[in-house]
Amino acid sequence: MSKIITLFAIGFYCTVGTVSAQHPIPDFINHSIDTVSYTDKSGNHILLLSSSGEISGSEDGTHSSFIHMTHQLTRNDNNQTLWEIKDGVEDCPVDVEAKFLAKPRFTDFNNDGVMEVWIIYQMACKGDISPSTVIVKMMDERGIPSTLESAQLIEYPDGTTEGGDSSFDINFMQKSDIYRAYALAFIKEFYMVKFK
């Protein structure tokens, strides 16, 4: 059975499926890597984004795939890792994916001079054309994540659709409407697939 797993460094941990000490999220050789930098009142920031591509299981024929993002702050010639996100699909017996869908975006909705960081990525373990899972994650100025998760919206040639259901976690629900509106607009840019 495949496992979709999510890890936040700095003490935030959540799982979907079963993850144990015997099956930790592995370090991986980067399949692709990108960096994004920005500056706000707290200093100069660098985001390091990497994805593993498909990793074959040793003998059981399963596959895994992971994304990884690290946020570093440079201030007064000192480098500090503020937070880290790892997510992915482990031990999938069919087709597997975990990939970023767009570059990070930045907002300052609370006008405190420190940017909120937004990322969007897609994960799946499937052997058909059913919807993948699309996730928008917003990291606030304290490094606390808020998550919007959606099933990909698929439109078939006959005009029927499948998927598109979205849900906010409790952190998003506790924020003002502008955050949720932005998250929905962001995910709707990337979660639709049309089959002709």
Foldseek 3Di string as FASTA:
>chain_A
DKWKAKDKPPPDGDTDDDDDPVHDDDDADFPDKDKDWDAWPQAIKIKIKTKHPWDADDPPQFIKIKIKIWMWGADPNDIDTQMMMMIIMGRANADWDKFWDDDWDWDDVVPPRAIKIKTKIWIDRDHDPFWTKIKIWIQDPNRDIKIKIWTFWEAEPVGDIDTGDIDTDPVVVPDDPVVVVVRVVVCVVGRYDYDD
